[in-house]
Amino acid sequence: MERDDMDNIMHFALTQYSLKQGLKKIQEAGENVVKEEFLQCHQKETFKPIAPDELAKEQQKSALKLLMFITKKRCGRVKARGCADGRKQCDMYSKEEAAPHTVSLEAVLLTSVIDVKEGRDIATTDIPVTYLNADMDDKVIMMIEGRLAKLMAQTVPELYRKYLGVGKNNKPMLYVKLQNALYGCLKSALLFYNKLVRDLKELDFEVNPYNPCVSNIMMRGKQMTICWHVDDLKISHIDSREVTKMLDILQKKYGKMRTTIGKIHNYLGMTLNFKKRGKLVKMG
């Protein structure tokens, strides 16, 4: 393993904290990013608060716990990520019910060879708060407790404060119904995949019958190709204006995306160099 790779792994491992660790080390900045994460969930209508007496004892017992992780990146930016502790769901779904499709390495490389042979304009992009864009299709109850429950109530007090209760060891506690897919839930990735495919089909894309994470459409007499792995998309077309239009359409659906346009792309752990017409250089 290269030294840079080890540095990256160590950096990631040493700078992602649990909520308690993050608030202790990063303090006010940690609280602020947690509130930002909750506000984003509120704007997406991810959680619907429920009074404890509206839930049966079994529902309370089977409620998934909300976890929160705080990460400090190399650039100094602090970010929070909420996810469900989905271990209680392990016996609820079969692999077929929960496993999403993912693009194959061969499909990424073959579409990239076509891109460089045809001299296409290429964009790689990342859909934000991916799973929150998909609706949850089952009734999933979550429990938010302790400091997290307090921060949730502080973020949107007019909605959550009246539902704030007290649980074990006198900890603040809040029950919510999960209305959007969330990291940690077993079906979240598949739910988002299904939404993305529906959205692409509404735009008249055709999904490749041999790889369900590659889709094509004819625009201005030339083919546009989108391939994706969960929320990481690669979009290509001979006309840069068509690529820009597609990015605008997707951003209207999913929100502002982090996008790279040009001849060199870091995509799914690979560096793809399209600088030489007719020749693809893969690094890493």
C-alpha atoms as a PDB file:
ATOM      1  CA  MET A   1       0.000   0.000   0.000  1.00  0.00           C
ATOM      2  CA  GLU A   2       1.320   3.480  -0.926  1.00  0.00           C
ATOM      3  CA  ARG A   3       2.149   5.923   1.872  1.00  0.00           C
ATOM      4  CA  ASP A   4      -0.421   8.432   0.519  1.00  0.00           C
ATOM      5  CA  ASP A   5      -3.105   5.754   0.633  1.00  0.00           C
ATOM      6  CA  MET A   6      -2.221   4.913   4.229  1.00  0.00           C
ATOM      7  CA  ASP A   7      -2.275   8.632   5.136  1.00  0.00           C
ATOM      8  CA  ASN A   8      -5.738   8.973   3.626  1.00  0.00           C
ATOM      9  CA  ILE A   9      -7.036   5.957   5.541  1.00  0.00           C
ATOM     10  CA  MET A  10      -5.523   7.104   8.803  1.00  0.00           C
ATOM     11  CA  HIS A  11      -6.844  10.623   8.284  1.00  0.00           C
ATOM     12  CA  PHE A  12     -10.367   9.322   7.688  1.00  0.00           C
ATOM     13  CA  ALA A  13     -10.194   6.923  10.612  1.00  0.00           C
ATOM     14  CA  LEU A  14      -8.893   9.536  13.012  1.00  0.00           C
ATOM     15  CA  THR A  15     -11.237  12.372  12.098  1.00  0.00           C
ATOM     16  CA  GLN A  16     -14.667  10.725  12.066  1.00  0.00           C
ATOM     17  CA  TYR A  17     -16.259  10.907  15.487  1.00  0.00           C
ATOM     18  CA  SER A  18     -19.387   9.691  17.196  1.00  0.00           C
ATOM     19  CA  LEU A  19     -21.713  12.453  18.368  1.00  0.00           C
ATOM     20  CA  LYS A  20     -20.303  12.439  21.900  1.00  0.00           C
ATOM     21  CA  GLN A  21     -16.686  12.485  20.698  1.00  0.00           C
ATOM     22  CA  GLY A  22     -17.398  15.098  18.035  1.00  0.00           C
ATOM     23  CA  LEU A  23     -19.149  17.508  20.376  1.00  0.00           C
ATOM     24  CA  LYS A  24     -16.344  17.125  22.892  1.00  0.00           C
ATOM     25  CA  LYS A  25     -13.573  17.760  20.343  1.00  0.00           C
ATOM     26  CA  ILE A  26     -15.244  20.227  17.973  1.00  0.00           C
ATOM     27  CA  GLN A  27     -17.754  21.729  20.444  1.00  0.00           C
ATOM     28  CA  GLU A  28     -19.844  24.571  18.975  1.00  0.00           C
ATOM     29  CA  ALA A  29     -18.961  23.764  15.360  1.00  0.00           C
ATOM     30  CA  GLY A  30     -20.087  20.179  16.011  1.00  0.00           C
ATOM     31  CA  GLU A  31     -23.476  21.298  17.336  1.00  0.00           C
ATOM     32  CA  ASN A  32     -23.954  23.622  14.377  1.00  0.00           C
ATOM     33  CA  VAL A  33     -23.337  20.939  11.743  1.00  0.00           C
ATOM     34  CA  VAL A  34     -25.698  18.534  13.528  1.00  0.00           C
ATOM     35  CA  LYS A  35     -28.397  21.214  13.440  1.00  0.00           C
ATOM     36  CA  GLU A  36     -27.646  21.788   9.740  1.00  0.00           C
ATOM     37  CA  GLU A  37     -28.120  18.075   9.093  1.00  0.00           C
ATOM     38  CA  PHE A  38     -31.432  18.107  10.986  1.00  0.00           C
ATOM     39  CA  LEU A  39     -32.566  21.226   9.124  1.00  0.00           C
ATOM     40  CA  GLN A  40     -31.805  19.535   5.808  1.00  0.00           C
ATOM     41  CA  CYS A  41     -33.851  16.519   6.909  1.00  0.00           C
ATOM     42  CA  HIS A  42     -36.674  18.846   7.985  1.00  0.00           C
ATOM     43  CA  GLN A  43     -36.677  20.614   4.611  1.00  0.00           C
ATOM     44  CA  LYS A  44     -36.937  17.231   2.899  1.00  0.00           C
ATOM     45  CA  GLU A  45     -39.752  16.260   5.328  1.00  0.00           C
ATOM     46  CA  THR A  46     -37.749  13.189   6.326  1.00  0.00           C
ATOM     47  CA  PHE A  47     -39.134  12.855   9.869  1.00  0.00           C
ATOM     48  CA  LYS A  48     -42.712  13.047  11.105  1.00  0.00           C
ATOM     49  CA  PRO A  49     -42.859  13.293  14.935  1.00  0.00           C
ATOM     50  CA  ILE A  50     -45.091  10.837  16.789  1.00  0.00           C
ATOM     51  CA  ALA A  51     -46.300  10.915  20.393  1.00  0.00           C
ATOM     52  CA  PRO A  52     -45.173   7.801  22.338  1.00  0.00           C
ATOM     53  CA  ASP A  53     -48.763   6.928  23.294  1.00  0.00           C
ATOM     54  CA  GLU A  54     -49.598   6.588  19.581  1.00  0.00           C
ATOM     55  CA  LEU A  55     -47.193   3.641  19.328  1.00  0.00           C
ATOM     56  CA  ALA A  56     -47.695   0.102  20.546  1.00  0.00           C
ATOM     57  CA  LYS A  57     -45.058  -1.290  22.915  1.00  0.00           C
ATOM     58  CA  GLU A  58     -43.743  -3.522  20.122  1.00  0.00           C
ATOM     59  CA  GLN A  59     -43.339  -0.516  17.818  1.00  0.00           C
ATOM     60  CA  GLN A  60     -41.427   1.348  20.484  1.00  0.00           C
ATOM     61  CA  LYS A  61     -39.222  -1.678  21.090  1.00  0.00           C
ATOM     62  CA  SER A  62     -38.473  -2.205  17.382  1.00  0.00           C
ATOM     63  CA  ALA A  63     -37.787   1.482  16.648  1.00  0.00           C
ATOM     64  CA  LEU A  64     -34.459   2.091  14.908  1.00  0.00           C
ATOM     65  CA  LYS A  65     -32.009   4.314  16.724  1.00  0.00           C
ATOM     66  CA  LEU A  66     -30.713   7.424  14.957  1.00  0.00           C
ATOM     67  CA  LEU A  67     -26.913   7.687  14.930  1.00  0.00           C
ATOM     68  CA  MET A  68     -24.936  10.820  14.133  1.00  0.00           C
ATOM     69  CA  PHE A  69     -21.312  11.016  13.030  1.00  0.00           C
ATOM     70  CA  ILE A  70     -19.200  14.160  12.795  1.00  0.00           C
ATOM     71  CA  THR A  71     -16.274  14.375  10.391  1.00  0.00           C
ATOM     72  CA  LYS A  72     -13.544  16.988  10.174  1.00  0.00           C
ATOM     73  CA  LYS A  73     -12.035  17.038   6.683  1.00  0.00           C
ATOM     74  CA  ARG A  74      -8.501  17.964   5.702  1.00  0.00           C
ATOM     75  CA  CYS A  75      -9.659  21.354   4.498  1.00  0.00           C
ATOM     76  CA  GLY A  76     -10.985  22.021   7.999  1.00  0.00           C
ATOM     77  CA  ARG A  77     -14.659  21.682   7.027  1.00  0.00           C
ATOM     78  CA  VAL A  78     -16.816  19.959   9.642  1.00  0.00           C
ATOM     79  CA  LYS A  79     -19.721  17.799   8.454  1.00  0.00           C
ATOM     80  CA  ALA A  80     -22.400  15.741  10.211  1.00  0.00           C
ATOM     81  CA  ARG A  81     -24.087  12.639   8.806  1.00  0.00           C
ATOM     82  CA  GLY A  82     -27.181  11.070  10.316  1.00  0.00           C
ATOM     83  CA  CYS A  83     -27.933   7.418   9.723  1.00  0.00           C
ATOM     84  CA  ALA A  84     -30.161   4.685  11.063  1.00  0.00           C
ATOM     85  CA  ASP A  85     -28.909   1.754  13.087  1.00  0.00           C
ATOM     86  CA  GLY A  86     -30.489  -0.762  10.726  1.00  0.00           C
ATOM     87  CA  ARG A  87     -29.420  -3.962  12.490  1.00  0.00           C
ATOM     88  CA  LYS A  88     -32.996  -4.637  13.612  1.00  0.00           C
ATOM     89  CA  GLN A  89     -33.998  -4.874   9.926  1.00  0.00           C
ATOM     90  CA  CYS A  90     -31.576  -7.673   9.049  1.00  0.00           C
ATOM     91  CA  ASP A  91     -34.226 -10.408   9.368  1.00  0.00           C
ATOM     92  CA  MET A  92     -36.998  -8.379   7.754  1.00  0.00           C
ATOM     93  CA  TYR A  93     -35.876  -8.436   4.107  1.00  0.00           C
ATOM     94  CA  SER A  94     -34.316 -10.918   1.722  1.00  0.00           C
ATOM     95  CA  LYS A  95     -31.225  -9.965  -0.264  1.00  0.00           C
ATOM     96  CA  GLU A  96     -33.374  -9.515  -3.370  1.00  0.00           C
ATOM     97  CA  GLU A  97     -35.661  -7.075  -1.537  1.00  0.00           C
ATOM     98  CA  ALA A  98     -32.835  -4.885  -0.279  1.00  0.00           C
ATOM     99  CA  ALA A  99     -29.845  -5.132  -2.642  1.00  0.00           C
ATOM    100  CA  PRO A 100     -29.514  -2.327  -5.222  1.00  0.00           C
ATOM    101  CA  HIS A 101     -27.960  -2.640  -8.668  1.00  0.00           C
ATOM    102  CA  THR A 102     -24.449  -1.218  -9.070  1.00  0.00           C
ATOM    103  CA  VAL A 103     -22.523  -0.387 -12.216  1.00  0.00           C
ATOM    104  CA  SER A 104     -19.822  -2.873 -13.177  1.00  0.00           C
ATOM    105  CA  LEU A 105     -16.192  -1.873 -13.675  1.00  0.00           C
ATOM    106  CA  GLU A 106     -16.439  -3.183 -17.246  1.00  0.00           C
ATOM    107  CA  ALA A 107     -19.400  -0.879 -17.946  1.00  0.00           C
ATOM    108  CA  VAL A 108     -17.543   2.166 -16.592  1.00  0.00           C
ATOM    109  CA  LEU A 109     -14.479   1.401 -18.714  1.00  0.00           C
ATOM    110  CA  LEU A 110     -16.425   0.488 -21.875  1.00  0.00           C
ATOM    111  CA  THR A 111     -18.542   3.646 -21.732  1.00  0.00           C
ATOM    112  CA  SER A 112     -15.349   5.649 -21.088  1.00  0.00           C
ATOM    113  CA  VAL A 113     -13.680   4.103 -24.147  1.00  0.00           C
ATOM    114  CA  ILE A 114     -16.713   5.137 -26.235  1.00  0.00           C
ATOM    115  CA  ASP A 115     -16.520   8.628 -24.709  1.00  0.00           C
ATOM    116  CA  VAL A 116     -12.890   9.115 -25.679  1.00  0.00           C
ATOM    117  CA  LYS A 117     -13.245   7.505 -29.128  1.00  0.00           C
ATOM    118  CA  GLU A 118     -16.154   9.817 -30.016  1.00  0.00           C
ATOM    119  CA  GLY A 119     -14.550  12.858 -28.368  1.00  0.00           C
ATOM    120  CA  ARG A 120     -17.510  13.356 -26.030  1.00  0.00           C
ATOM    121  CA  ASP A 121     -17.788  16.051 -23.398  1.00  0.00           C
ATOM    122  CA  ILE A 122     -17.847  14.390 -19.960  1.00  0.00           C
ATOM    123  CA  ALA A 123     -19.165  15.343 -16.536  1.00  0.00           C
ATOM    124  CA  THR A 124     -19.000  13.380 -13.315  1.00  0.00           C
ATOM    125  CA  THR A 125     -21.298  14.452 -10.529  1.00  0.00           C
ATOM    126  CA  ASP A 126     -22.491  13.532  -7.061  1.00  0.00           C
ATOM    127  CA  ILE A 127     -26.152  13.797  -6.029  1.00  0.00           C
ATOM    128  CA  PRO A 128     -26.460  15.432  -2.572  1.00  0.00           C
ATOM    129  CA  VAL A 129     -28.262  13.851   0.413  1.00  0.00           C
ATOM    130  CA  THR A 130     -28.850  10.930  -1.898  1.00  0.00           C
ATOM    131  CA  TYR A 131     -31.259   8.680  -0.078  1.00  0.00           C
ATOM    132  CA  LEU A 132     -33.410  11.520   1.258  1.00  0.00           C
ATOM    133  CA  ASN A 133     -34.584  12.038  -2.337  1.00  0.00           C
ATOM    134  CA  ALA A 134     -36.415   8.681  -2.231  1.00  0.00           C
ATOM    135  CA  ASP A 135     -39.628   7.991  -0.307  1.00  0.00           C
ATOM    136  CA  MET A 136     -39.643   5.209   2.268  1.00  0.00           C
ATOM    137  CA  ASP A 137     -42.110   2.507   1.186  1.00  0.00           C
ATOM    138  CA  ASP A 138     -42.473   0.794   4.597  1.00  0.00           C
ATOM    139  CA  LYS A 139     -43.529   2.152   7.960  1.00  0.00           C
ATOM    140  CA  VAL A 140     -40.267   2.698   9.814  1.00  0.00           C
ATOM    141  CA  ILE A 141     -40.269   4.168  13.325  1.00  0.00           C
ATOM    142  CA  MET A 142     -37.093   5.751  14.672  1.00  0.00           C
ATOM    143  CA  MET A 143     -36.074   6.840  18.147  1.00  0.00           C
ATOM    144  CA  ILE A 144     -33.893   9.891  18.697  1.00  0.00           C
ATOM    145  CA  GLU A 145     -32.542  10.168  22.217  1.00  0.00           C
ATOM    146  CA  GLY A 146     -30.239  12.098  24.476  1.00  0.00           C
ATOM    147  CA  ARG A 147     -28.356  15.116  23.153  1.00  0.00           C
ATOM    148  CA  LEU A 148     -29.567  14.377  19.623  1.00  0.00           C
ATOM    149  CA  ALA A 149     -33.221  14.707  20.660  1.00  0.00           C
ATOM    150  CA  LYS A 150     -32.486  18.058  22.303  1.00  0.00           C
ATOM    151  CA  LEU A 151     -30.672  19.348  19.214  1.00  0.00           C
ATOM    152  CA  MET A 152     -33.543  18.224  16.981  1.00  0.00           C
ATOM    153  CA  ALA A 153     -36.038  20.105  19.170  1.00  0.00           C
ATOM    154  CA  GLN A 154     -33.814  23.210  19.136  1.00  0.00           C
ATOM    155  CA  THR A 155     -33.519  23.107  15.338  1.00  0.00           C
ATOM    156  CA  VAL A 156     -37.267  23.188  14.615  1.00  0.00           C
ATOM    157  CA  PRO A 157     -38.874  23.876  18.021  1.00  0.00           C
ATOM    158  CA  GLU A 158     -42.330  24.671  16.647  1.00  0.00           C
ATOM    159  CA  LEU A 159     -42.630  21.117  15.302  1.00  0.00           C
ATOM    160  CA  TYR A 160     -40.625  18.837  17.588  1.00  0.00           C
ATOM    161  CA  ARG A 161     -40.580  20.371  21.060  1.00  0.00           C
ATOM    162  CA  LYS A 162     -44.088  19.256  22.054  1.00  0.00           C
ATOM    163  CA  TYR A 163     -43.207  15.635  21.161  1.00  0.00           C
ATOM    164  CA  LEU A 164     -40.038  15.610  23.265  1.00  0.00           C
ATOM    165  CA  GLY A 165     -40.382  13.110  26.090  1.00  0.00           C
ATOM    166  CA  VAL A 166     -38.221  11.348  28.665  1.00  0.00           C
ATOM    167  CA  GLY A 167     -36.943   7.801  28.265  1.00  0.00           C
ATOM    168  CA  LYS A 168     -34.615   5.491  30.151  1.00  0.00           C
ATOM    169  CA  ASN A 169     -32.257   7.111  32.640  1.00  0.00           C
ATOM    170  CA  ASN A 170     -34.238  10.348  32.215  1.00  0.00           C
ATOM    171  CA  LYS A 171     -32.774  10.904  28.761  1.00  0.00           C
ATOM    172  CA  PRO A 172     -34.704  13.181  26.355  1.00  0.00           C
ATOM    173  CA  MET A 173     -36.419  11.044  23.723  1.00  0.00           C
ATOM    174  CA  LEU A 174     -38.291  11.630  20.476  1.00  0.00           C
ATOM    175  CA  TYR A 175     -40.115   9.144  18.230  1.00  0.00           C
ATOM    176  CA  VAL A 176     -40.453   9.882  14.512  1.00  0.00           C
ATOM    177  CA  LYS A 177     -41.825   8.140  11.453  1.00  0.00           C
ATOM    178  CA  LEU A 178     -39.218   7.941   8.680  1.00  0.00           C
ATOM    179  CA  GLN A 179     -40.712   9.299   5.453  1.00  0.00           C
ATOM    180  CA  ASN A 180     -37.588   9.265   3.253  1.00  0.00           C
ATOM    181  CA  ALA A 181     -34.908   6.664   2.762  1.00  0.00           C
ATOM    182  CA  LEU A 182     -31.991   7.186   5.153  1.00  0.00           C
ATOM    183  CA  TYR A 183     -28.435   5.867   5.337  1.00  0.00           C
ATOM    184  CA  GLY A 184     -28.366   2.702   7.422  1.00  0.00           C
ATOM    185  CA  CYS A 185     -31.819   1.395   6.450  1.00  0.00           C
ATOM    186  CA  LEU A 186     -31.487  -1.811   4.465  1.00  0.00           C
ATOM    187  CA  LYS A 187     -33.719  -0.790   1.563  1.00  0.00           C
ATOM    188  CA  SER A 188     -32.491   2.805   1.155  1.00  0.00           C
ATOM    189  CA  ALA A 189     -30.040   2.197  -1.685  1.00  0.00           C
ATOM    190  CA  LEU A 190     -32.597   0.198  -3.672  1.00  0.00           C
ATOM    191  CA  LEU A 191     -35.297   2.817  -3.109  1.00  0.00           C
ATOM    192  CA  PHE A 192     -33.011   5.534  -4.455  1.00  0.00           C
ATOM    193  CA  TYR A 193     -32.000   3.369  -7.429  1.00  0.00           C
ATOM    194  CA  ASN A 194     -35.669   2.859  -8.320  1.00  0.00           C
ATOM    195  CA  LYS A 195     -36.349   6.603  -8.080  1.00  0.00           C
ATOM    196  CA  LEU A 196     -33.381   7.499 -10.278  1.00  0.00           C
ATOM    197  CA  VAL A 197     -34.445   4.962 -12.928  1.00  0.00           C
ATOM    198  CA  ARG A 198     -38.011   6.322 -12.889  1.00  0.00           C
ATOM    199  CA  ASP A 199     -36.737   9.873 -13.291  1.00  0.00           C
ATOM    200  CA  LEU A 200     -34.460   8.906 -16.193  1.00  0.00           C
ATOM    201  CA  LYS A 201     -37.237   6.985 -17.932  1.00  0.00           C
ATOM    202  CA  GLU A 202     -39.497  10.037 -17.616  1.00  0.00           C
ATOM    203  CA  LEU A 203     -36.802  11.869 -19.624  1.00  0.00           C
ATOM    204  CA  ASP A 204     -37.006   9.060 -22.250  1.00  0.00           C
ATOM    205  CA  PHE A 205     -33.725   7.378 -21.328  1.00  0.00           C
ATOM    206  CA  GLU A 206     -33.515   3.649 -22.038  1.00  0.00           C
ATOM    207  CA  VAL A 207     -31.824   1.474 -19.433  1.00  0.00           C
ATOM    208  CA  ASN A 208     -29.245  -0.921 -20.856  1.00  0.00           C
ATOM    209  CA  PRO A 209     -30.644  -4.487 -20.661  1.00  0.00           C
ATOM    210  CA  TYR A 210     -27.192  -5.893 -19.825  1.00  0.00           C
ATOM    211  CA  ASN A 211     -26.229  -3.388 -17.145  1.00  0.00           C
ATOM    212  CA  PRO A 212     -29.082  -1.727 -15.239  1.00  0.00           C
ATOM    213  CA  CYS A 213     -26.862   1.198 -14.175  1.00  0.00           C
ATOM    214  CA  VAL A 214     -26.238   2.429 -17.724  1.00  0.00           C
ATOM    215  CA  SER A 215     -28.840   4.377 -19.701  1.00  0.00           C
ATOM    216  CA  ASN A 216     -28.866   6.084 -23.097  1.00  0.00           C
ATOM    217  CA  ILE A 217     -30.870   8.659 -25.037  1.00  0.00           C
ATOM    218  CA  MET A 218     -30.473  10.253 -28.475  1.00  0.00           C
ATOM    219  CA  MET A 219     -30.049  14.037 -28.417  1.00  0.00           C
ATOM    220  CA  ARG A 220     -29.403  16.101 -31.535  1.00  0.00           C
ATOM    221  CA  GLY A 221     -28.809  12.868 -33.415  1.00  0.00           C
ATOM    222  CA  LYS A 222     -26.049  11.740 -31.032  1.00  0.00           C
ATOM    223  CA  GLN A 223     -26.116   9.409 -28.048  1.00  0.00           C
ATOM    224  CA  MET A 224     -25.954  10.618 -24.462  1.00  0.00           C
ATOM    225  CA  THR A 225     -24.907   8.049 -21.860  1.00  0.00           C
ATOM    226  CA  ILE A 226     -25.358   8.160 -18.095  1.00  0.00           C
ATOM    227  CA  CYS A 227     -23.835   5.460 -15.899  1.00  0.00           C
ATOM    228  CA  TRP A 228     -24.011   5.528 -12.124  1.00  0.00           C
ATOM    229  CA  HIS A 229     -22.979   3.861  -8.906  1.00  0.00           C
ATOM    230  CA  VAL A 230     -25.521   4.797  -6.212  1.00  0.00           C
ATOM    231  CA  ASP A 231     -25.211   8.632  -6.335  1.00  0.00           C
ATOM    232  CA  ASP A 232     -22.067   9.016  -8.462  1.00  0.00           C
ATOM    233  CA  LEU A 233     -22.984   9.727 -12.099  1.00  0.00           C
ATOM    234  CA  LYS A 234     -20.931   9.948 -15.293  1.00  0.00           C
ATOM    235  CA  ILE A 235     -22.668  11.842 -18.109  1.00  0.00           C
ATOM    236  CA  SER A 236     -21.325  12.119 -21.664  1.00  0.00           C
ATOM    237  CA  HIS A 237     -22.370  13.572 -25.028  1.00  0.00           C
ATOM    238  CA  ILE A 238     -20.533  15.008 -28.026  1.00  0.00           C
ATOM    239  CA  ASP A 239     -22.128  18.425 -27.409  1.00  0.00           C
ATOM    240  CA  SER A 240     -21.113  20.118 -24.149  1.00  0.00           C
ATOM    241  CA  ARG A 241     -24.356  22.125 -24.196  1.00  0.00           C
ATOM    242  CA  GLU A 242     -26.392  18.916 -23.903  1.00  0.00           C
ATOM    243  CA  VAL A 243     -24.305  17.795 -20.937  1.00  0.00           C
ATOM    244  CA  THR A 244     -24.887  21.163 -19.254  1.00  0.00           C
ATOM    245  CA  LYS A 245     -28.639  20.942 -19.923  1.00  0.00           C
ATOM    246  CA  MET A 246     -28.800  17.480 -18.362  1.00  0.00           C
ATOM    247  CA  LEU A 247     -26.908  18.666 -15.291  1.00  0.00           C
ATOM    248  CA  ASP A 248     -29.408  21.520 -14.927  1.00  0.00           C
ATOM    249  CA  ILE A 249     -32.350  19.086 -15.179  1.00  0.00           C
ATOM    250  CA  LEU A 250     -30.870  16.785 -12.537  1.00  0.00           C
ATOM    251  CA  GLN A 251     -30.073  19.686 -10.203  1.00  0.00           C
ATOM    252  CA  LYS A 252     -33.682  20.861 -10.365  1.00  0.00           C
ATOM    253  CA  LYS A 253     -34.753  17.379  -9.246  1.00  0.00           C
ATOM    254  CA  TYR A 254     -32.092  16.661  -6.623  1.00  0.00           C
ATOM    255  CA  GLY A 255     -30.521  19.946  -5.554  1.00  0.00           C
ATOM    256  CA  LYS A 256     -27.084  21.432  -6.101  1.00  0.00           C
ATOM    257  CA  MET A 257     -24.580  18.755  -7.130  1.00  0.00           C
ATOM    258  CA  ARG A 258     -20.792  18.595  -6.894  1.00  0.00           C
ATOM    259  CA  THR A 259     -19.717  18.352 -10.535  1.00  0.00           C
ATOM    260  CA  THR A 260     -16.463  17.996 -12.477  1.00  0.00           C
ATOM    261  CA  ILE A 261     -16.390  18.880 -16.182  1.00  0.00           C
ATOM    262  CA  GLY A 262     -13.247  18.404 -18.246  1.00  0.00           C
ATOM    263  CA  LYS A 263     -10.763  15.810 -19.412  1.00  0.00           C
ATOM    264  CA  ILE A 264      -9.619  14.354 -16.090  1.00  0.00           C
ATOM    265  CA  HIS A 265     -12.092  12.787 -13.643  1.00  0.00           C
ATOM    266  CA  ASN A 266     -11.783  11.055 -10.296  1.00  0.00           C
ATOM    267  CA  TYR A 267     -14.586   8.519 -10.496  1.00  0.00           C
ATOM    268  CA  LEU A 268     -15.251   5.521  -8.236  1.00  0.00           C
ATOM    269  CA  GLY A 269     -11.689   5.437  -6.959  1.00  0.00           C
ATOM    270  CA  MET A 270     -10.171   5.733 -10.447  1.00  0.00           C
ATOM    271  CA  THR A 271      -8.584   8.670 -12.231  1.00  0.00           C
ATOM    272  CA  LEU A 272      -9.786   8.699 -15.848  1.00  0.00           C
ATOM    273  CA  ASN A 273      -7.768  10.809 -18.298  1.00  0.00           C
ATOM    274  CA  PHE A 274      -9.562  11.708 -21.543  1.00  0.00           C
ATOM    275  CA  LYS A 275      -7.004  14.264 -22.775  1.00  0.00           C
ATOM    276  CA  LYS A 276      -5.747  12.234 -25.745  1.00  0.00           C
ATOM    277  CA  ARG A 277      -8.378  11.861 -28.456  1.00  0.00           C
ATOM    278  CA  GLY A 278      -9.018   8.173 -29.030  1.00  0.00           C
ATOM    279  CA  LYS A 279      -7.023   7.025 -25.995  1.00  0.00           C
ATOM    280  CA  LEU A 280      -8.249   6.462 -22.438  1.00  0.00           C
ATOM    281  CA  VAL A 281      -5.684   6.542 -19.662  1.00  0.00           C
ATOM    282  CA  LYS A 282      -6.794   4.962 -16.372  1.00  0.00           C
ATOM    283  CA  MET A 283      -4.732   5.810 -13.301  1.00  0.00           C
ATOM    284  CA  GLY A 284      -5.378   4.154  -9.964  1.00  0.00           C
END
